[in-house]
Amino acid sequence: MHKPLLTTDFLDRAREYYGDKEAVVATTGERFTYDEFGERADGFSAAMAARGIEKGDRVAVLDPNTHYQLEAAYGTMQLGAVHTPLNYRLVPDDFEYILSDAEVDAVYADYEYAEKIEPIRDEVPTEIFVTNDTDAVDGDWESFDEIIEEAGTDYERPEMDEDDLITINYTSGTTGDPKGVCRTHRTETLHAYIVALHQEISDGDVYLWTLPMFHVNGWGHIFSVTGMGAKHVCTRGVDAEGIFDAVRTEDVSYLCGAPTVLNILADRYEDHNGDIETTGANDVRIATAGSAPPEAVIRTVEDDFGWYLKHVYGATETGPLVTTSDARRFFEDGSDARFSVKKRQGIGYLGTDVRVVDEDGNDVPHDDETLGEVVVRGNQVMDRYWNKPEQTEEAFSDRVEGYYHMGDLATVDEDGMIAIRDRKKDIIISGGENISSIELEDTLYEHDAVSDVAVIPAPSDEWGETPKAFVVPNSGDPDNPGVTAEDLRTFTREQLATYKVVRRVEFVEELPTTATGKVQKYELREQEWEDEDEMVGQG
């Protein structure tokens, strides 16, 4: 039997079986059951339909992690319209590009971010602008709450196919203009299924929204958490005190956090000498993605907080999640053996083909030494880039035909577990030797005086390129970092091969990051190479 896979099924299921159960804890203090959540989504569907929005139209959503984001997402998809979430850390010029590129037909923006849309209203292709607090914004905006109340809950849901486009997620734009990643009902649904499985999501979960919902639909959790009938706890930002408070007061059982989130939690715990209650009534598990968390951070999260950490990996184009380090047959909980596994990106999700290939498209040996590019094939991988056929073709055909090319360089160990060693463009080639910036970062992070660090290639007359570290000191003051550049050079020299030693160090207050905590190394590279003809050394 064939039943179309539709994203609308997730809220439909929750309403059918969990209608009177609490669904959403709003940032305003309001609490909504799944029946109430569904009625508000219906209201948004009816209001948008009354304004001419129909199947295939794009509806942009600019919002921190509030209940309005969830309602607007499902309200849009119930019309067969295309949910287009926006990164709230962008600037007006970025929004003008994205809204024009996606040819949006309506915009909902949270009151805190509407001021970024107001200056470009006349430059984008829509006349429908909705916010959640008209008194707090300038310009002519309609009220979300008023339009859904006026519209009622009646609307006509069109016939939809699982291969219809249902969401466009724009990449963070770390290189060039952002690209719109096109995802269908089918790709979103199958990704949500495997996320629910591997992240062990159940109807008893209380999920804390520390991960931006705009980021590939919050790693698909707007679907999986909803479909399983679990509870959403919304936020308007991330801070360590707020996270610990929410975990305790709402009995949070599951959350996601980039390595930077783990760092701020660990720092707050240390600042309070461990005198912080880190759990409520439920056991807590946390998923992190991006750079491998250092062993010290894993130890703090698991041994001190009492949480269980899952390290996952992916990209906007892949759903995003494609691998997990949560392979418990390879380690015992509480043993030091877990660190070597959890620092790896791990093994492929169910139904996901993850390979590491050389430049000829051949699989690298499982020796944990030979570098290759990660390529992925799976039902959760994007359909295409919006209006970018050439980039789509390149992404799926560079080394291996039919696989999405992640742009990450990795090794594979004897168990088939991958470990990301670098981005292709982040490899430092110094005097003909390849140096992994991630390995250097991991080493520097172990120094007591280092809070955060990013390593990039810097131009060198002698070597072509040489490693440079931008270091955020634990002291918080780059003028008084509590350590010298020579100290850090000596520290790396004691632990790494001579050619890998960091040669230059710059102390900074903070590193440039995306909304999801990914360090934007391209900004550091542009700064470092601005006087050079090319942004690559002849190493």
Protein backbone atom coordinates (compact mmCIF):
# COMPACT_ATOMS: atom_id res chain seq x y z
CA MET A 1 0.00 0.00 0.00
CA HIS A 2 1.22 3.48 -0.81
CA LYS A 3 0.25 6.34 1.48
CA PRO A 4 1.67 9.78 0.66
CA LEU A 5 4.15 11.08 3.25
CA LEU A 6 2.95 14.57 4.23
CA THR A 7 4.32 16.97 6.84
CA THR A 8 0.76 17.85 7.85
CA ASP A 9 0.40 14.32 9.24
CA PHE A 10 2.53 15.19 12.28
CA LEU A 11 0.16 17.77 13.75
CA ASP A 12 -2.87 15.78 12.58
CA ARG A 13 -1.65 12.78 14.59
CA ALA A 14 -0.93 14.85 17.68
CA ARG A 15 -4.40 16.41 17.56
CA GLU A 16 -6.08 13.02 17.14
CA TYR A 17 -4.39 11.25 20.02
CA TYR A 18 -3.04 14.02 22.28
CA GLY A 19 -5.58 16.79 21.75
CA ASP A 20 -6.15 17.54 25.42
CA LYS A 21 -2.48 17.13 26.39
CA GLU A 22 -0.15 20.09 26.87
CA ALA A 23 1.70 20.74 23.63
CA VAL A 24 3.45 24.08 23.93
CA VAL A 25 4.83 26.17 26.78
CA ALA A 26 5.03 29.68 25.32
CA THR A 27 7.61 32.32 26.14
CA THR A 28 4.70 34.52 27.30
CA GLY A 29 3.77 32.00 30.00
CA GLU A 30 0.75 30.74 28.08
CA ARG A 31 0.24 27.02 27.70
CA PHE A 32 -1.50 25.37 24.78
CA THR A 33 -2.87 21.87 24.33
CA TYR A 34 -2.52 20.16 20.97
CA ASP A 35 -6.16 21.03 20.24
CA GLU A 36 -5.41 24.70 20.92
CA PHE A 37 -2.14 24.61 18.98
CA GLY A 38 -3.99 23.05 16.06
CA GLU A 39 -6.79 25.61 16.15
CA ARG A 40 -4.28 28.46 16.03
CA ALA A 41 -2.52 26.81 13.07
CA ASP A 42 -5.92 26.47 11.39
CA GLY A 43 -6.52 30.15 12.03
CA PHE A 44 -3.27 31.06 10.31
CA SER A 45 -4.19 28.82 7.37
CA ALA A 46 -7.59 30.50 7.07
CA ALA A 47 -6.11 33.99 7.40
CA MET A 48 -3.46 33.36 4.74
CA ALA A 49 -6.03 31.77 2.40
CA ALA A 50 -8.23 34.86 2.80
CA ARG A 51 -5.25 36.95 1.67
CA GLY A 52 -4.74 34.88 -1.45
CA ILE A 53 -2.04 32.46 -0.29
CA GLU A 54 -2.41 29.08 -1.94
CA LYS A 55 -0.52 25.90 -2.70
CA GLY A 56 3.05 26.54 -3.82
CA ASP A 57 3.26 30.12 -2.52
CA ARG A 58 6.14 30.96 -0.19
CA VAL A 59 5.47 32.23 3.34
CA ALA A 60 8.52 33.56 5.18
CA VAL A 61 8.75 33.20 8.96
CA LEU A 62 11.17 35.33 10.99
CA ASP A 63 10.90 34.40 14.62
CA PRO A 64 12.90 33.19 17.61
CA ASN A 65 11.69 29.95 19.11
CA THR A 66 8.16 31.02 20.06
CA HIS A 67 4.78 29.35 19.64
CA TYR A 68 4.08 31.71 16.71
CA GLN A 69 6.83 30.03 14.70
CA LEU A 70 5.25 26.61 15.18
CA GLU A 71 1.77 27.88 14.34
CA ALA A 72 2.92 29.77 11.26
CA ALA A 73 4.88 26.74 10.01
CA TYR A 74 1.97 24.33 10.23
CA GLY A 75 -0.52 26.98 9.16
CA THR A 76 1.52 27.50 6.01
CA MET A 77 2.01 23.82 5.23
CA GLN A 78 -1.68 23.01 5.72
CA LEU A 79 -2.33 25.20 2.66
CA GLY A 80 0.33 23.38 0.67
CA ALA A 81 2.30 26.63 0.77
CA VAL A 82 6.05 26.60 1.26
CA HIS A 83 7.35 27.30 4.75
CA THR A 84 10.42 29.57 4.42
CA PRO A 85 12.04 30.17 7.85
CA LEU A 86 14.59 32.98 8.15
CA ASN A 87 17.75 33.34 10.23
CA TYR A 88 16.99 36.19 12.65
CA ARG A 89 20.66 37.15 12.96
CA LEU A 90 20.86 38.38 9.38
CA VAL A 91 20.76 42.03 8.36
CA PRO A 92 18.18 43.79 6.12
CA ASP A 93 20.27 43.36 2.95
CA ASP A 94 20.37 39.61 3.56
CA PHE A 95 16.61 39.49 4.03
CA GLU A 96 16.07 41.49 0.87
CA TYR A 97 18.13 38.96 -1.06
CA ILE A 98 16.40 35.89 0.42
CA LEU A 99 12.86 37.22 0.20
CA SER A 100 13.43 38.27 -3.39
CA ASP A 101 15.22 35.06 -4.32
CA ALA A 102 12.42 32.93 -2.85
CA GLU A 103 9.80 35.23 -4.37
CA VAL A 104 7.90 35.24 -1.10
CA ASP A 105 4.18 35.93 -1.02
CA ALA A 106 3.80 36.71 2.70
CA VAL A 107 6.01 37.52 5.69
CA TYR A 108 5.40 36.88 9.36
CA ALA A 109 8.02 38.53 11.60
CA ASP A 110 8.31 38.59 15.37
CA TYR A 111 8.10 42.11 16.83
CA GLU A 112 11.76 42.03 17.83
CA TYR A 113 12.89 41.46 14.24
CA ALA A 114 10.26 43.27 12.19
CA GLU A 115 12.51 46.33 12.18
CA LYS A 116 14.87 44.38 9.92
CA ILE A 117 12.09 43.84 7.38
CA GLU A 118 10.53 47.33 7.51
CA PRO A 119 13.38 49.07 5.59
CA ILE A 120 13.13 46.63 2.67
CA ARG A 121 9.36 46.26 2.36
CA ASP A 122 9.23 48.11 -0.94
CA GLU A 123 12.01 45.96 -2.38
CA VAL A 124 10.47 42.52 -1.81
CA PRO A 125 7.62 40.85 -3.74
CA THR A 126 4.84 40.81 -1.13
CA GLU A 127 2.29 43.10 0.45
CA ILE A 128 1.36 40.77 3.32
CA PHE A 129 3.21 41.60 6.54
CA VAL A 130 2.17 40.07 9.87
CA THR A 131 3.69 40.43 13.34
CA ASN A 132 2.83 39.31 16.85
CA ASP A 133 2.87 42.79 18.45
CA THR A 134 1.82 45.66 16.19
CA ASP A 135 2.32 48.21 18.99
CA ALA A 136 6.02 47.33 19.18
CA VAL A 137 6.82 47.80 15.48
CA ASP A 138 6.85 50.67 13.04
CA GLY A 139 4.97 50.54 9.75
CA ASP A 140 1.75 48.94 8.61
CA TRP A 141 1.67 45.40 10.01
CA GLU A 142 -1.24 43.09 10.72
CA SER A 143 -1.58 41.36 14.09
CA PHE A 144 -1.09 37.58 14.12
CA ASP A 145 -3.57 37.08 16.97
CA GLU A 146 -6.18 39.37 15.44
CA ILE A 147 -6.11 37.86 11.96
CA ILE A 148 -6.42 34.28 13.21
CA GLU A 149 -9.31 35.26 15.47
CA GLU A 150 -11.08 37.06 12.63
CA ALA A 151 -10.45 34.26 10.12
CA GLY A 152 -11.85 31.43 12.19
CA THR A 153 -10.63 27.90 11.56
CA ASP A 154 -12.24 26.98 8.25
CA TYR A 155 -9.98 26.62 5.24
CA GLU A 156 -9.69 24.26 2.31
CA ARG A 157 -6.71 21.95 2.49
CA PRO A 158 -5.58 21.18 -1.06
CA GLU A 159 -4.61 17.78 -2.37
CA MET A 160 -0.89 17.35 -1.80
CA ASP A 161 1.73 14.94 -3.07
CA GLU A 162 4.74 13.75 -1.11
CA ASP A 163 7.06 15.09 -3.80
CA ASP A 164 5.64 18.62 -3.55
CA LEU A 165 8.01 21.29 -2.26
CA ILE A 166 6.98 22.21 1.28
CA THR A 167 9.92 24.10 2.79
CA ILE A 168 12.91 26.17 1.68
CA ASN A 169 15.73 26.43 4.21
CA TYR A 170 18.39 28.96 3.35
CA THR A 171 21.97 28.09 4.19
CA SER A 172 23.78 30.35 6.64
CA GLY A 173 25.68 31.97 3.79
CA THR A 174 29.19 31.21 5.02
CA THR A 175 30.37 31.37 1.41
CA GLY A 176 28.70 33.74 -1.03
CA ASP A 177 24.95 34.38 -1.17
CA PRO A 178 22.70 32.01 0.79
CA LYS A 179 21.27 29.10 -1.18
CA GLY A 180 17.69 27.95 -0.78
CA VAL A 181 17.61 24.26 0.10
CA CYS A 182 14.42 22.73 -1.27
CA ARG A 183 12.78 20.03 0.81
CA THR A 184 9.68 18.04 0.00
CA HIS A 185 7.00 16.44 2.17
CA ARG A 186 8.80 13.15 1.64
CA THR A 187 12.29 14.29 2.62
CA GLU A 188 11.00 16.11 5.71
CA THR A 189 8.84 13.19 6.80
CA LEU A 190 11.48 10.49 6.44
CA HIS A 191 14.05 12.67 8.19
CA ALA A 192 11.62 13.20 11.07
CA TYR A 193 11.05 9.45 11.31
CA ILE A 194 14.74 8.64 11.69
CA VAL A 195 15.28 11.56 14.07
CA ALA A 196 12.49 10.26 16.29
CA LEU A 197 14.16 6.85 16.24
CA HIS A 198 17.81 7.80 16.78
CA GLN A 199 17.07 10.65 19.21
CA GLU A 200 14.65 8.37 21.08
CA ILE A 201 11.79 10.86 21.03
CA SER A 202 8.62 9.70 22.79
CA ASP A 203 5.33 11.19 23.94
CA GLY A 204 6.80 11.53 27.42
CA ASP A 205 9.51 13.93 26.27
CA VAL A 206 9.69 17.58 27.23
CA TYR A 207 11.77 19.28 24.55
CA LEU A 208 13.53 22.60 25.23
CA TRP A 209 13.98 24.78 22.15
CA THR A 210 17.59 25.92 22.45
CA LEU A 211 18.19 25.09 18.77
CA PRO A 212 16.85 27.74 16.34
CA MET A 213 13.66 26.54 14.69
CA PHE A 214 14.74 28.20 11.46
CA HIS A 215 17.76 25.91 11.22
CA VAL A 216 16.49 23.19 8.87
CA ASN A 217 13.20 23.41 10.77
CA GLY A 218 15.06 22.94 14.02
CA TRP A 219 16.81 19.78 12.80
CA GLY A 220 13.34 18.50 11.94
CA HIS A 221 12.14 18.66 15.54
CA ILE A 222 9.10 20.78 14.66
CA PHE A 223 7.91 17.56 13.00
CA SER A 224 9.26 14.75 15.18
CA VAL A 225 8.45 16.29 18.57
CA THR A 226 4.96 17.25 17.38
CA GLY A 227 4.20 13.95 15.69
CA MET A 228 5.17 11.97 18.77
CA GLY A 229 2.88 14.06 20.96
CA ALA A 230 5.74 15.38 23.10
CA LYS A 231 5.85 18.84 24.70
CA HIS A 232 7.57 21.92 23.23
CA VAL A 233 9.11 24.43 25.65
CA CYS A 234 9.75 27.64 23.71
CA THR A 235 12.46 30.25 24.27
CA ARG A 236 13.46 33.68 22.99
CA GLY A 237 17.18 33.02 23.07
CA VAL A 238 19.85 30.96 24.75
CA ASP A 239 21.51 31.68 28.07
CA ALA A 240 22.91 29.25 30.57
CA GLU A 241 20.80 30.38 33.51
CA GLY A 242 17.61 30.16 31.46
CA ILE A 243 18.46 26.67 30.21
CA PHE A 244 19.18 25.29 33.68
CA ASP A 245 16.03 26.97 35.07
CA ALA A 246 13.85 25.52 32.30
CA VAL A 247 15.34 22.05 32.73
CA ARG A 248 14.43 22.14 36.41
CA THR A 249 11.04 23.86 36.33
CA GLU A 250 9.64 22.19 33.19
CA ASP A 251 11.23 18.79 33.79
CA VAL A 252 12.99 18.98 30.43
CA SER A 253 14.15 15.61 29.14
CA TYR A 254 15.71 16.53 25.80
CA LEU A 255 17.43 19.50 24.19
CA CYS A 256 19.93 20.27 21.46
CA GLY A 257 22.91 22.57 21.64
CA ALA A 258 25.88 23.51 19.51
CA PRO A 259 29.31 23.13 21.13
CA THR A 260 29.14 26.81 22.09
CA VAL A 261 26.00 26.08 24.12
CA LEU A 262 27.77 23.24 25.90
CA ASN A 263 30.60 25.65 26.67
CA ILE A 264 28.37 28.31 28.27
CA LEU A 265 26.63 25.68 30.35
CA ALA A 266 29.95 24.23 31.51
CA ASP A 267 31.28 27.71 32.30
CA ARG A 268 28.23 28.62 34.40
CA TYR A 269 28.43 25.33 36.26
CA GLU A 270 32.10 25.96 37.02
CA ASP A 271 31.45 29.59 38.02
CA HIS A 272 28.99 28.31 40.62
CA ASN A 273 31.40 25.62 41.81
CA GLY A 274 28.95 22.94 40.75
CA ASP A 275 26.23 24.29 43.03
CA ILE A 276 23.52 24.11 40.34
CA GLU A 277 20.63 21.69 40.04
CA THR A 278 20.94 20.35 36.51
CA THR A 279 17.85 18.13 36.25
CA GLY A 280 14.18 18.13 37.08
CA ALA A 281 12.01 15.04 37.38
CA ASN A 282 13.27 13.58 34.09
CA ASP A 283 16.59 12.21 32.94
CA VAL A 284 18.13 14.57 30.39
CA ARG A 285 19.78 13.87 27.08
CA ILE A 286 21.34 16.49 24.83
CA ALA A 287 22.32 16.35 21.17
CA THR A 288 25.19 18.41 19.83
CA ALA A 289 26.46 18.86 16.30
CA GLY A 290 29.30 20.61 14.57
CA SER A 291 32.86 20.32 15.79
CA ALA A 292 33.54 17.34 18.01
CA PRO A 293 33.06 18.36 21.66
CA PRO A 294 36.29 18.16 23.65
CA GLU A 295 36.62 15.35 26.15
CA ALA A 296 36.54 17.82 29.04
CA VAL A 297 33.14 19.14 27.93
CA ILE A 298 31.69 15.65 27.46
CA ARG A 299 32.90 14.75 30.92
CA THR A 300 31.28 17.84 32.44
CA VAL A 301 27.96 17.28 30.68
CA GLU A 302 27.74 13.58 31.52
CA ASP A 303 29.57 13.21 34.83
CA ASP A 304 28.71 16.55 36.46
CA PHE A 305 25.35 17.44 34.91
CA GLY A 306 24.21 13.82 34.77
CA TRP A 307 23.00 14.24 31.18
CA TYR A 308 23.52 11.84 28.27
CA LEU A 309 25.24 13.39 25.24
CA LYS A 310 24.61 12.41 21.63
CA HIS A 311 26.97 13.77 18.99
CA VAL A 312 25.28 14.01 15.58
CA TYR A 313 26.32 15.39 12.21
CA GLY A 314 24.81 16.76 9.05
CA ALA A 315 24.19 19.83 6.91
CA THR A 316 21.26 21.97 5.84
CA GLU A 317 21.21 20.09 2.55
CA THR A 318 20.95 16.69 4.23
CA GLY A 319 17.97 17.17 6.46
CA PRO A 320 20.31 17.81 8.34
CA LEU A 321 21.14 14.73 10.40
CA VAL A 322 22.97 11.82 8.75
CA THR A 323 25.25 10.29 11.41
CA THR A 324 25.36 9.66 15.14
CA SER A 325 28.01 8.71 17.67
CA ASP A 326 25.33 7.13 19.84
CA ALA A 327 26.52 3.59 19.18
CA ARG A 328 26.40 2.11 22.68
CA ARG A 329 27.69 -1.33 21.78
CA PHE A 330 31.10 0.33 21.27
CA PHE A 331 31.41 1.70 24.81
CA GLU A 332 30.08 1.36 28.33
CA ASP A 333 28.28 4.30 29.90
CA GLY A 334 30.60 5.99 32.38
CA SER A 335 33.77 4.48 30.95
CA ASP A 336 36.51 6.57 29.40
CA ALA A 337 36.09 4.52 26.23
CA ARG A 338 33.03 6.60 25.43
CA PHE A 339 35.10 9.69 24.69
CA SER A 340 36.85 8.27 21.65
CA VAL A 341 33.44 7.34 20.21
CA LYS A 342 31.47 10.45 21.16
CA LYS A 343 34.10 12.76 19.71
CA ARG A 344 33.53 11.13 16.32
CA GLN A 345 30.65 11.94 14.00
CA GLY A 346 30.00 8.21 14.04
CA ILE A 347 27.89 5.95 11.86
CA GLY A 348 25.11 6.61 9.39
CA TYR A 349 21.51 7.02 10.42
CA LEU A 350 19.13 4.24 9.45
CA GLY A 351 18.61 4.21 5.68
CA THR A 352 21.52 6.61 5.12
CA ASP A 353 24.54 5.76 2.97
CA VAL A 354 27.57 7.67 4.29
CA ARG A 355 30.90 7.26 2.52
CA VAL A 356 34.33 8.90 2.66
CA VAL A 357 35.94 9.01 -0.78
CA ASP A 358 39.18 10.16 -2.35
CA GLU A 359 39.42 12.55 -5.30
CA ASP A 360 38.68 9.68 -7.71
CA GLY A 361 35.51 8.73 -5.86
CA ASN A 362 36.97 5.60 -4.28
CA ASP A 363 36.32 4.77 -0.64
CA VAL A 364 39.28 5.52 1.60
CA PRO A 365 40.70 2.67 3.70
CA HIS A 366 39.39 2.24 7.23
CA ASP A 367 42.73 3.17 8.76
CA ASP A 368 41.62 6.38 10.51
CA GLU A 369 44.45 8.19 8.74
CA THR A 370 43.54 8.61 5.09
CA LEU A 371 41.54 11.77 4.43
CA GLY A 372 38.61 11.84 2.04
CA GLU A 373 35.45 13.84 1.46
CA VAL A 374 32.19 12.79 3.11
CA VAL A 375 29.43 12.04 0.61
CA VAL A 376 25.87 11.10 1.54
CA ARG A 377 22.88 9.44 -0.05
CA GLY A 378 19.57 9.13 1.79
CA ASN A 379 15.87 9.87 1.69
CA GLN A 380 16.37 12.92 3.92
CA VAL A 381 18.76 14.66 1.49
CA MET A 382 17.46 17.78 -0.23
CA ASP A 383 15.66 17.75 -3.55
CA ARG A 384 17.62 20.67 -5.05
CA TYR A 385 18.78 24.25 -4.55
CA TRP A 386 16.13 26.82 -5.32
CA ASN A 387 16.70 28.26 -8.80
CA LYS A 388 20.33 27.08 -8.84
CA PRO A 389 20.59 24.08 -11.20
CA GLU A 390 24.36 24.39 -11.71
CA GLN A 391 25.12 24.40 -7.99
CA THR A 392 22.72 21.48 -7.55
CA GLU A 393 24.50 19.49 -10.24
CA GLU A 394 27.90 20.20 -8.72
CA ALA A 395 26.75 19.25 -5.21
CA PHE A 396 25.61 15.83 -6.42
CA SER A 397 28.30 14.96 -8.94
CA ASP A 398 31.73 16.30 -7.93
CA ARG A 399 33.48 13.07 -6.84
CA VAL A 400 30.65 10.53 -6.90
CA GLU A 401 27.52 10.75 -9.02
CA GLY A 402 24.26 10.80 -7.09
CA TYR A 403 25.69 11.57 -3.65
CA TYR A 404 25.51 14.91 -1.87
CA HIS A 405 29.05 16.18 -1.25
CA MET A 406 29.38 17.54 2.27
CA GLY A 407 32.60 19.50 1.76
CA ASP A 408 34.03 17.96 4.93
CA LEU A 409 37.20 15.90 5.06
CA ALA A 410 37.15 12.85 7.30
CA THR A 411 38.81 9.57 8.17
CA VAL A 412 37.14 6.23 8.84
CA ASP A 413 38.18 3.84 11.61
CA GLU A 414 38.05 0.04 11.60
CA ASP A 415 34.46 0.12 12.92
CA GLY A 416 33.30 2.30 10.03
CA MET A 417 32.93 5.39 12.21
CA ILE A 418 33.80 8.66 10.55
CA ALA A 419 35.65 11.55 12.18
CA ILE A 420 35.61 14.98 10.56
CA ARG A 421 39.12 16.37 10.37
CA ASP A 422 38.44 19.57 8.48
CA ARG A 423 36.52 21.41 5.84
CA LYS A 424 38.20 21.10 2.47
CA LYS A 425 38.97 24.80 2.44
CA ASP A 426 40.18 24.75 6.06
CA ILE A 427 43.06 22.35 5.58
CA ILE A 428 46.29 24.22 6.22
CA ILE A 429 49.05 23.27 3.80
CA SER A 430 52.29 24.45 5.29
CA GLY A 431 55.54 23.56 3.57
CA GLY A 432 53.77 20.72 1.78
CA GLU A 433 52.39 19.22 5.00
CA ASN A 434 48.65 18.98 5.66
CA ILE A 435 47.60 20.33 9.06
CA SER A 436 44.12 19.83 10.49
CA SER A 437 42.76 23.02 12.04
CA ILE A 438 40.33 20.92 14.11
CA GLU A 439 43.17 18.94 15.66
CA LEU A 440 44.93 22.17 16.62
CA GLU A 441 41.70 23.62 18.02
CA ASP A 442 41.07 20.51 20.12
CA THR A 443 44.60 20.72 21.51
CA LEU A 444 44.42 24.43 22.35
CA TYR A 445 41.01 23.97 23.94
CA GLU A 446 42.59 21.70 26.54
CA HIS A 447 44.65 24.62 27.87
CA ASP A 448 43.10 26.02 31.05
CA ALA A 449 43.34 29.61 29.81
CA VAL A 450 41.44 28.96 26.56
CA SER A 451 37.66 29.37 26.47
CA ASP A 452 37.15 29.13 22.71
CA VAL A 453 39.38 29.01 19.66
CA ALA A 454 39.36 28.98 15.87
CA VAL A 455 42.38 28.08 13.76
CA ILE A 456 42.79 29.18 10.16
CA PRO A 457 45.60 29.28 7.60
CA ALA A 458 47.50 32.59 7.64
CA PRO A 459 49.79 33.73 4.81
CA SER A 460 53.46 32.95 5.28
CA ASP A 461 56.34 34.01 3.06
CA GLU A 462 58.33 31.01 4.21
CA TRP A 463 55.73 28.23 4.27
CA GLY A 464 52.94 29.53 2.05
CA GLU A 465 50.50 29.05 4.91
CA THR A 466 50.94 28.78 8.64
CA PRO A 467 48.44 28.02 11.43
CA LYS A 468 46.99 31.01 13.27
CA ALA A 469 44.73 30.72 16.31
CA PHE A 470 42.09 33.26 17.31
CA VAL A 471 41.72 32.63 21.03
CA VAL A 472 38.94 33.71 23.40
CA PRO A 473 40.66 33.63 26.81
CA ASN A 474 38.91 32.34 29.91
CA SER A 475 39.62 35.69 31.51
CA GLY A 476 37.29 37.31 28.98
CA ASP A 477 39.84 40.08 28.42
CA PRO A 478 42.04 39.78 25.33
CA ASP A 479 44.34 42.44 26.76
CA ASN A 480 44.91 40.37 29.88
CA PRO A 481 44.41 36.79 28.71
CA GLY A 482 46.29 35.12 31.53
CA VAL A 483 48.50 33.32 29.02
CA THR A 484 50.98 34.35 26.35
CA ALA A 485 51.17 33.39 22.71
CA GLU A 486 54.47 31.67 23.45
CA ASP A 487 52.83 29.64 26.22
CA LEU A 488 50.28 28.35 23.72
CA ARG A 489 52.94 27.61 21.12
CA THR A 490 54.84 25.59 23.71
CA PHE A 491 51.64 23.83 24.75
CA THR A 492 50.93 22.64 21.19
CA ARG A 493 54.59 21.75 20.63
CA GLU A 494 54.45 19.43 23.63
CA GLN A 495 51.47 17.51 22.23
CA LEU A 496 51.72 17.64 18.45
CA ALA A 497 54.20 17.05 15.68
CA THR A 498 56.51 20.02 15.18
CA TYR A 499 55.01 21.03 11.86
CA LYS A 500 51.55 21.25 13.47
CA VAL A 501 52.54 23.78 16.13
CA VAL A 502 50.45 26.95 16.13
CA ARG A 503 52.69 29.76 14.88
CA ARG A 504 50.54 32.83 15.47
CA VAL A 505 48.02 33.70 18.17
CA GLU A 506 45.56 36.58 18.41
CA PHE A 507 43.45 37.05 21.53
CA VAL A 508 39.87 38.21 20.87
CA GLU A 509 36.70 38.86 22.90
CA GLU A 510 34.56 36.52 20.77
CA LEU A 511 34.53 34.54 17.54
CA PRO A 512 32.13 35.31 14.69
CA THR A 513 29.40 32.65 14.66
CA THR A 514 26.16 31.75 12.90
CA ALA A 515 22.90 31.51 14.84
CA THR A 516 23.57 27.83 15.44
CA GLY A 517 26.99 28.41 16.95
CA LYS A 518 29.08 27.48 13.93
CA VAL A 519 32.24 29.60 13.79
CA GLN A 520 32.32 31.63 10.57
CA LYS A 521 35.95 31.04 9.70
CA TYR A 522 35.55 32.75 6.35
CA GLU A 523 35.33 36.10 8.17
CA LEU A 524 38.61 35.38 9.91
CA ARG A 525 40.21 34.22 6.65
CA GLU A 526 39.05 37.32 4.78
CA GLN A 527 40.52 39.48 7.52
CA GLU A 528 43.81 37.59 7.46
CA TRP A 529 44.19 37.45 3.67
CA GLU A 530 42.84 40.87 2.67
CA ASP A 531 46.25 42.07 1.45
CA GLU A 532 46.94 38.93 -0.60
CA ASP A 533 46.05 38.27 -4.25
CA GLU A 534 44.54 34.88 -3.39
CA MET A 535 43.02 33.46 -0.22
CA VAL A 536 45.23 30.39 -0.36
CA GLY A 537 48.93 29.91 0.23
CA GLN A 538 51.35 28.07 -1.98
CA GLY A 539 52.40 25.69 0.76
